Amino acid sequence: MSAKLRPGQTAEIASPKHAKVFPNPTVAASMINRAKRPMLVIGSNATETETEDGDLIDYAIKISKKGKLTIAATGHLIGEFKERKAENVYSISFMNLGDRLRDTNWNGFDGKGHYDLVIFAGSQYYLEWLVLSGLKNFAPNLRTISLGNLYQPNASWSMGTVNHSKWMSLLKEVVENIIPTPSNNTTDNP
């Protein structure tokens, strides 16, 4: 038998356009660093996903603080973010968010314009698959990243299918390589 040429499910044909798998985590971090208006979508499985220092919500807060990302908390997660005193977090249902992201007239949670990069993590696989399919077909200029440990064919980029320990080391490297965005509270030079 030959090696599997393409990641994903054997008979699954999402479309001719499939997600690219990150060659290394620094590529994901670089994409986040270059984005003008990135959003991080955290799904309802985030509290069940253990990391080295807590759960996926803790990683989301680290990424948000370093990269100045907007966080969209789906499901019941807004309470978890409030308990941890996270900023720039908005609550929205997962399917409604998918609809808003494909709407060219939506100016984001803060009214400052459309997002150019949307990163997904901690979502149920099948829901993320559906939302990413809709975005791929109806928001073709929106770049999407799946930071989950299973290959997401409908994203622009995916981490691929990896075991939990390898995935944790990849996520840690993504967080470490995000360049902190300067605060908007800096003083102007005369």
C-alpha atoms as a PDB file:
ATOM      1  CA  MET A   1       0.000   0.000   0.000  1.00  0.00           C
ATOM      2  CA  SER A   2       1.108   3.498  -0.704  1.00  0.00           C
ATOM      3  CA  ALA A   3       1.178   6.291   1.829  1.00  0.00           C
ATOM      4  CA  LYS A   4      -1.891   8.467   2.147  1.00  0.00           C
ATOM      5  CA  LEU A   5      -1.328  11.483  -0.097  1.00  0.00           C
ATOM      6  CA  ARG A   6      -3.819  13.820   1.498  1.00  0.00           C
ATOM      7  CA  PRO A   7      -4.814  14.172   5.157  1.00  0.00           C
ATOM      8  CA  GLY A   8      -8.420  13.850   6.241  1.00  0.00           C
ATOM      9  CA  GLN A   9     -11.127  11.243   5.971  1.00  0.00           C
ATOM     10  CA  THR A  10     -10.750   8.714   3.177  1.00  0.00           C
ATOM     11  CA  ALA A  11     -13.925   9.333   1.169  1.00  0.00           C
ATOM     12  CA  GLU A  12     -14.432  12.944   2.234  1.00  0.00           C
ATOM     13  CA  ILE A  13     -14.270  15.361  -0.676  1.00  0.00           C
ATOM     14  CA  ALA A  14     -14.943  18.842   0.691  1.00  0.00           C
ATOM     15  CA  SER A  15     -14.173  20.482  -2.666  1.00  0.00           C
ATOM     16  CA  PRO A  16     -11.162  20.836  -4.929  1.00  0.00           C
ATOM     17  CA  LYS A  17      -9.812  23.417  -2.488  1.00  0.00           C
ATOM     18  CA  HIS A  18      -8.398  21.848   0.699  1.00  0.00           C
ATOM     19  CA  ALA A  19      -6.596  23.234   3.725  1.00  0.00           C
ATOM     20  CA  LYS A  20      -2.846  23.409   3.687  1.00  0.00           C
ATOM     21  CA  VAL A  21      -1.121  21.785   6.653  1.00  0.00           C
ATOM     22  CA  PHE A  22       1.313  24.029   8.510  1.00  0.00           C
ATOM     23  CA  PRO A  23       4.877  22.862   7.924  1.00  0.00           C
ATOM     24  CA  ASN A  24       5.718  24.185  11.407  1.00  0.00           C
ATOM     25  CA  PRO A  25       4.029  26.302  14.097  1.00  0.00           C
ATOM     26  CA  THR A  26       6.019  29.435  13.271  1.00  0.00           C
ATOM     27  CA  VAL A  27       4.047  29.756  10.020  1.00  0.00           C
ATOM     28  CA  ALA A  28       0.795  29.940  12.017  1.00  0.00           C
ATOM     29  CA  ALA A  29       2.309  32.519  14.363  1.00  0.00           C
ATOM     30  CA  SER A  30       3.591  34.531  11.407  1.00  0.00           C
ATOM     31  CA  MET A  31       0.118  34.618   9.850  1.00  0.00           C
ATOM     32  CA  ILE A  32      -1.341  35.839  13.150  1.00  0.00           C
ATOM     33  CA  ASN A  33       1.402  38.460  13.457  1.00  0.00           C
ATOM     34  CA  ARG A  34       0.728  39.813   9.942  1.00  0.00           C
ATOM     35  CA  ALA A  35      -3.070  39.955  10.264  1.00  0.00           C
ATOM     36  CA  LYS A  36      -4.584  43.419  10.597  1.00  0.00           C
ATOM     37  CA  ARG A  37      -7.854  42.302  12.260  1.00  0.00           C
ATOM     38  CA  PRO A  38      -7.540  38.757  13.610  1.00  0.00           C
ATOM     39  CA  MET A  39     -10.245  36.964  15.576  1.00  0.00           C
ATOM     40  CA  LEU A  40      -9.848  33.872  17.739  1.00  0.00           C
ATOM     41  CA  VAL A  41     -12.951  31.669  17.966  1.00  0.00           C
ATOM     42  CA  ILE A  42     -13.004  29.412  21.013  1.00  0.00           C
ATOM     43  CA  GLY A  43     -15.476  26.547  20.940  1.00  0.00           C
ATOM     44  CA  SER A  44     -17.381  24.842  23.718  1.00  0.00           C
ATOM     45  CA  ASN A  45     -14.839  22.007  24.099  1.00  0.00           C
ATOM     46  CA  ALA A  46     -12.153  24.417  25.333  1.00  0.00           C
ATOM     47  CA  THR A  47     -12.765  23.733  29.028  1.00  0.00           C
ATOM     48  CA  GLU A  48     -12.348  19.990  28.423  1.00  0.00           C
ATOM     49  CA  THR A  49      -9.051  20.415  26.560  1.00  0.00           C
ATOM     50  CA  GLU A  50      -6.210  20.261  29.064  1.00  0.00           C
ATOM     51  CA  THR A  51      -2.963  22.105  28.426  1.00  0.00           C
ATOM     52  CA  GLU A  52       0.305  22.335  30.371  1.00  0.00           C
ATOM     53  CA  ASP A  53      -0.923  25.251  32.444  1.00  0.00           C
ATOM     54  CA  GLY A  54      -4.703  24.848  32.559  1.00  0.00           C
ATOM     55  CA  ASP A  55      -7.032  24.509  29.615  1.00  0.00           C
ATOM     56  CA  LEU A  56      -7.460  25.883  26.107  1.00  0.00           C
ATOM     57  CA  ILE A  57      -9.076  29.046  27.484  1.00  0.00           C
ATOM     58  CA  ASP A  58      -5.781  29.920  29.180  1.00  0.00           C
ATOM     59  CA  TYR A  59      -3.982  29.557  25.823  1.00  0.00           C
ATOM     60  CA  ALA A  60      -6.651  31.689  24.160  1.00  0.00           C
ATOM     61  CA  ILE A  61      -6.101  34.457  26.707  1.00  0.00           C
ATOM     62  CA  LYS A  62      -2.308  34.276  26.158  1.00  0.00           C
ATOM     63  CA  ILE A  63      -2.714  34.492  22.377  1.00  0.00           C
ATOM     64  CA  SER A  64      -5.186  37.352  22.704  1.00  0.00           C
ATOM     65  CA  LYS A  65      -2.959  39.374  25.014  1.00  0.00           C
ATOM     66  CA  LYS A  66       0.132  38.928  22.860  1.00  0.00           C
ATOM     67  CA  GLY A  67      -1.485  39.466  19.467  1.00  0.00           C
ATOM     68  CA  LYS A  68      -4.322  41.823  20.417  1.00  0.00           C
ATOM     69  CA  LEU A  69      -6.931  39.477  18.984  1.00  0.00           C
ATOM     70  CA  THR A  70     -10.658  39.681  19.461  1.00  0.00           C
ATOM     71  CA  ILE A  71     -12.013  36.510  21.088  1.00  0.00           C
ATOM     72  CA  ALA A  72     -15.386  35.085  20.126  1.00  0.00           C
ATOM     73  CA  ALA A  73     -16.500  32.778  22.938  1.00  0.00           C
ATOM     74  CA  THR A  74     -19.100  30.307  21.750  1.00  0.00           C
ATOM     75  CA  GLY A  75     -21.492  28.222  23.793  1.00  0.00           C
ATOM     76  CA  HIS A  76     -21.282  28.752  27.547  1.00  0.00           C
ATOM     77  CA  LEU A  77     -17.677  30.020  27.614  1.00  0.00           C
ATOM     78  CA  ILE A  78     -18.202  33.728  28.244  1.00  0.00           C
ATOM     79  CA  GLY A  79     -18.471  33.024  31.980  1.00  0.00           C
ATOM     80  CA  GLU A  80     -15.100  31.239  31.952  1.00  0.00           C
ATOM     81  CA  PHE A  81     -13.435  34.217  30.289  1.00  0.00           C
ATOM     82  CA  LYS A  82     -15.068  36.678  32.711  1.00  0.00           C
ATOM     83  CA  GLU A  83     -13.866  34.648  35.713  1.00  0.00           C
ATOM     84  CA  ARG A  84     -10.311  34.910  34.355  1.00  0.00           C
ATOM     85  CA  LYS A  85     -10.736  38.651  33.712  1.00  0.00           C
ATOM     86  CA  ALA A  86     -10.027  38.375  29.977  1.00  0.00           C
ATOM     87  CA  GLU A  87     -10.580  41.458  27.856  1.00  0.00           C
ATOM     88  CA  ASN A  88     -11.928  41.916  24.324  1.00  0.00           C
ATOM     89  CA  VAL A  89     -14.125  38.787  24.556  1.00  0.00           C
ATOM     90  CA  TYR A  90     -17.579  38.582  22.988  1.00  0.00           C
ATOM     91  CA  SER A  91     -20.248  35.904  23.310  1.00  0.00           C
ATOM     92  CA  ILE A  92     -21.944  34.572  20.178  1.00  0.00           C
ATOM     93  CA  SER A  93     -23.366  31.266  19.009  1.00  0.00           C
ATOM     94  CA  PHE A  94     -21.094  29.336  16.685  1.00  0.00           C
ATOM     95  CA  MET A  95     -23.488  29.166  13.738  1.00  0.00           C
ATOM     96  CA  ASN A  96     -24.463  32.850  14.069  1.00  0.00           C
ATOM     97  CA  LEU A  97     -20.780  33.778  14.034  1.00  0.00           C
ATOM     98  CA  GLY A  98     -20.309  31.846  10.786  1.00  0.00           C
ATOM     99  CA  ASP A  99     -23.174  33.827   9.284  1.00  0.00           C
ATOM    100  CA  ARG A 100     -21.777  37.173  10.510  1.00  0.00           C
ATOM    101  CA  LEU A 101     -18.300  36.403   9.150  1.00  0.00           C
ATOM    102  CA  ARG A 102     -19.602  35.816   5.617  1.00  0.00           C
ATOM    103  CA  ASP A 103     -21.708  39.007   5.775  1.00  0.00           C
ATOM    104  CA  THR A 104     -19.740  41.770   4.026  1.00  0.00           C
ATOM    105  CA  ASN A 105     -21.798  44.451   5.802  1.00  0.00           C
ATOM    106  CA  TRP A 106     -20.861  43.255   9.310  1.00  0.00           C
ATOM    107  CA  ASN A 107     -18.223  45.485  10.886  1.00  0.00           C
ATOM    108  CA  GLY A 108     -17.184  43.146  13.672  1.00  0.00           C
ATOM    109  CA  PHE A 109     -17.984  43.237  17.357  1.00  0.00           C
ATOM    110  CA  ASP A 110     -16.309  46.618  17.805  1.00  0.00           C
ATOM    111  CA  GLY A 111     -17.610  48.247  14.608  1.00  0.00           C
ATOM    112  CA  LYS A 112     -14.075  48.773  13.230  1.00  0.00           C
ATOM    113  CA  GLY A 113     -14.413  46.612  10.132  1.00  0.00           C
ATOM    114  CA  HIS A 114     -14.362  43.071   8.872  1.00  0.00           C
ATOM    115  CA  TYR A 115     -11.835  40.543  10.213  1.00  0.00           C
ATOM    116  CA  ASP A 116      -9.113  39.365   7.833  1.00  0.00           C
ATOM    117  CA  LEU A 117      -8.053  36.222   9.714  1.00  0.00           C
ATOM    118  CA  VAL A 118     -10.188  33.920  11.853  1.00  0.00           C
ATOM    119  CA  ILE A 119      -8.562  31.250  14.014  1.00  0.00           C
ATOM    120  CA  PHE A 120     -10.629  28.342  15.346  1.00  0.00           C
ATOM    121  CA  ALA A 121      -9.815  26.194  18.390  1.00  0.00           C
ATOM    122  CA  GLY A 122     -11.720  24.072  20.876  1.00  0.00           C
ATOM    123  CA  SER A 123     -14.783  23.526  18.706  1.00  0.00           C
ATOM    124  CA  GLN A 124     -16.668  20.342  18.050  1.00  0.00           C
ATOM    125  CA  TYR A 125     -15.224  18.918  14.837  1.00  0.00           C
ATOM    126  CA  TYR A 126     -18.462  18.677  12.888  1.00  0.00           C
ATOM    127  CA  LEU A 127     -19.600  22.229  13.770  1.00  0.00           C
ATOM    128  CA  GLU A 128     -16.243  23.694  12.834  1.00  0.00           C
ATOM    129  CA  TRP A 129     -16.338  21.700   9.588  1.00  0.00           C
ATOM    130  CA  LEU A 130     -19.743  23.188   8.698  1.00  0.00           C
ATOM    131  CA  VAL A 131     -18.851  26.787   9.552  1.00  0.00           C
ATOM    132  CA  LEU A 132     -15.531  26.560   7.706  1.00  0.00           C
ATOM    133  CA  SER A 133     -17.308  25.073   4.686  1.00  0.00           C
ATOM    134  CA  GLY A 134     -19.669  28.043   4.614  1.00  0.00           C
ATOM    135  CA  LEU A 135     -16.810  30.517   4.959  1.00  0.00           C
ATOM    136  CA  LYS A 136     -14.745  28.810   2.265  1.00  0.00           C
ATOM    137  CA  ASN A 137     -17.633  29.036  -0.189  1.00  0.00           C
ATOM    138  CA  PHE A 138     -19.276  32.341   0.782  1.00  0.00           C
ATOM    139  CA  ALA A 139     -16.399  34.409   2.224  1.00  0.00           C
ATOM    140  CA  PRO A 140     -13.553  33.459  -0.132  1.00  0.00           C
ATOM    141  CA  ASN A 141     -11.340  36.408   0.872  1.00  0.00           C
ATOM    142  CA  LEU A 142     -11.382  35.498   4.564  1.00  0.00           C
ATOM    143  CA  ARG A 143      -8.360  33.469   5.683  1.00  0.00           C
ATOM    144  CA  THR A 144      -9.101  30.778   8.263  1.00  0.00           C
ATOM    145  CA  ILE A 145      -6.872  28.690  10.518  1.00  0.00           C
ATOM    146  CA  SER A 146      -7.869  25.595  12.446  1.00  0.00           C
ATOM    147  CA  LEU A 147      -5.685  25.117  15.520  1.00  0.00           C
ATOM    148  CA  GLY A 148      -7.406  21.857  16.441  1.00  0.00           C
ATOM    149  CA  ASN A 149      -5.566  18.539  16.529  1.00  0.00           C
ATOM    150  CA  LEU A 150      -7.631  17.083  13.661  1.00  0.00           C
ATOM    151  CA  TYR A 151      -7.221  18.085  10.036  1.00  0.00           C
ATOM    152  CA  GLN A 152      -9.941  20.520   8.917  1.00  0.00           C
ATOM    153  CA  PRO A 153     -10.204  20.374   5.102  1.00  0.00           C
ATOM    154  CA  ASN A 154     -12.409  23.482   4.848  1.00  0.00           C
ATOM    155  CA  ALA A 155      -9.992  25.842   6.592  1.00  0.00           C
ATOM    156  CA  SER A 156      -7.356  27.775   4.665  1.00  0.00           C
ATOM    157  CA  TRP A 157      -4.709  26.272   6.979  1.00  0.00           C
ATOM    158  CA  SER A 158      -4.853  23.420   9.486  1.00  0.00           C
ATOM    159  CA  MET A 159      -2.504  21.937  12.100  1.00  0.00           C
ATOM    160  CA  GLY A 160      -3.185  18.487  10.645  1.00  0.00           C
ATOM    161  CA  THR A 161      -4.006  15.353  12.593  1.00  0.00           C
ATOM    162  CA  VAL A 162      -1.646  14.909  15.546  1.00  0.00           C
ATOM    163  CA  ASN A 163      -1.835  13.263  18.950  1.00  0.00           C
ATOM    164  CA  HIS A 164      -2.556  15.351  22.046  1.00  0.00           C
ATOM    165  CA  SER A 165       1.022  15.685  23.351  1.00  0.00           C
ATOM    166  CA  LYS A 166       2.386  16.724  19.934  1.00  0.00           C
ATOM    167  CA  TRP A 167      -0.519  19.138  19.524  1.00  0.00           C
ATOM    168  CA  MET A 168       0.237  20.759  22.896  1.00  0.00           C
ATOM    169  CA  SER A 169       3.858  21.325  21.895  1.00  0.00           C
ATOM    170  CA  LEU A 170       2.724  22.816  18.551  1.00  0.00           C
ATOM    171  CA  LEU A 171       0.256  25.184  20.287  1.00  0.00           C
ATOM    172  CA  LYS A 172       2.905  26.233  22.783  1.00  0.00           C
ATOM    173  CA  GLU A 173       5.260  27.077  19.928  1.00  0.00           C
ATOM    174  CA  VAL A 174       2.548  29.099  18.160  1.00  0.00           C
ATOM    175  CA  VAL A 175       1.966  31.148  21.339  1.00  0.00           C
ATOM    176  CA  GLU A 176       5.710  31.653  21.890  1.00  0.00           C
ATOM    177  CA  ASN A 177       6.200  32.962  18.341  1.00  0.00           C
ATOM    178  CA  ILE A 178       3.422  35.540  18.382  1.00  0.00           C
ATOM    179  CA  ILE A 179       5.052  38.944  18.548  1.00  0.00           C
ATOM    180  CA  PRO A 180       3.458  41.142  21.235  1.00  0.00           C
ATOM    181  CA  THR A 181       1.531  44.021  19.701  1.00  0.00           C
ATOM    182  CA  PRO A 182       2.487  47.415  21.131  1.00  0.00           C
ATOM    183  CA  SER A 183      -0.141  48.867  23.435  1.00  0.00           C
ATOM    184  CA  ASN A 184      -2.312  51.686  22.187  1.00  0.00           C
ATOM    185  CA  ASN A 185      -1.512  53.543  25.418  1.00  0.00           C
ATOM    186  CA  THR A 186       1.967  54.630  24.381  1.00  0.00           C
ATOM    187  CA  THR A 187       2.782  58.324  24.578  1.00  0.00           C
ATOM    188  CA  ASP A 188       3.442  60.275  21.408  1.00  0.00           C
ATOM    189  CA  ASN A 189       6.879  61.747  20.831  1.00  0.00           C
ATOM    190  CA  PRO A 190       6.912  65.546  20.520  1.00  0.00           C
END
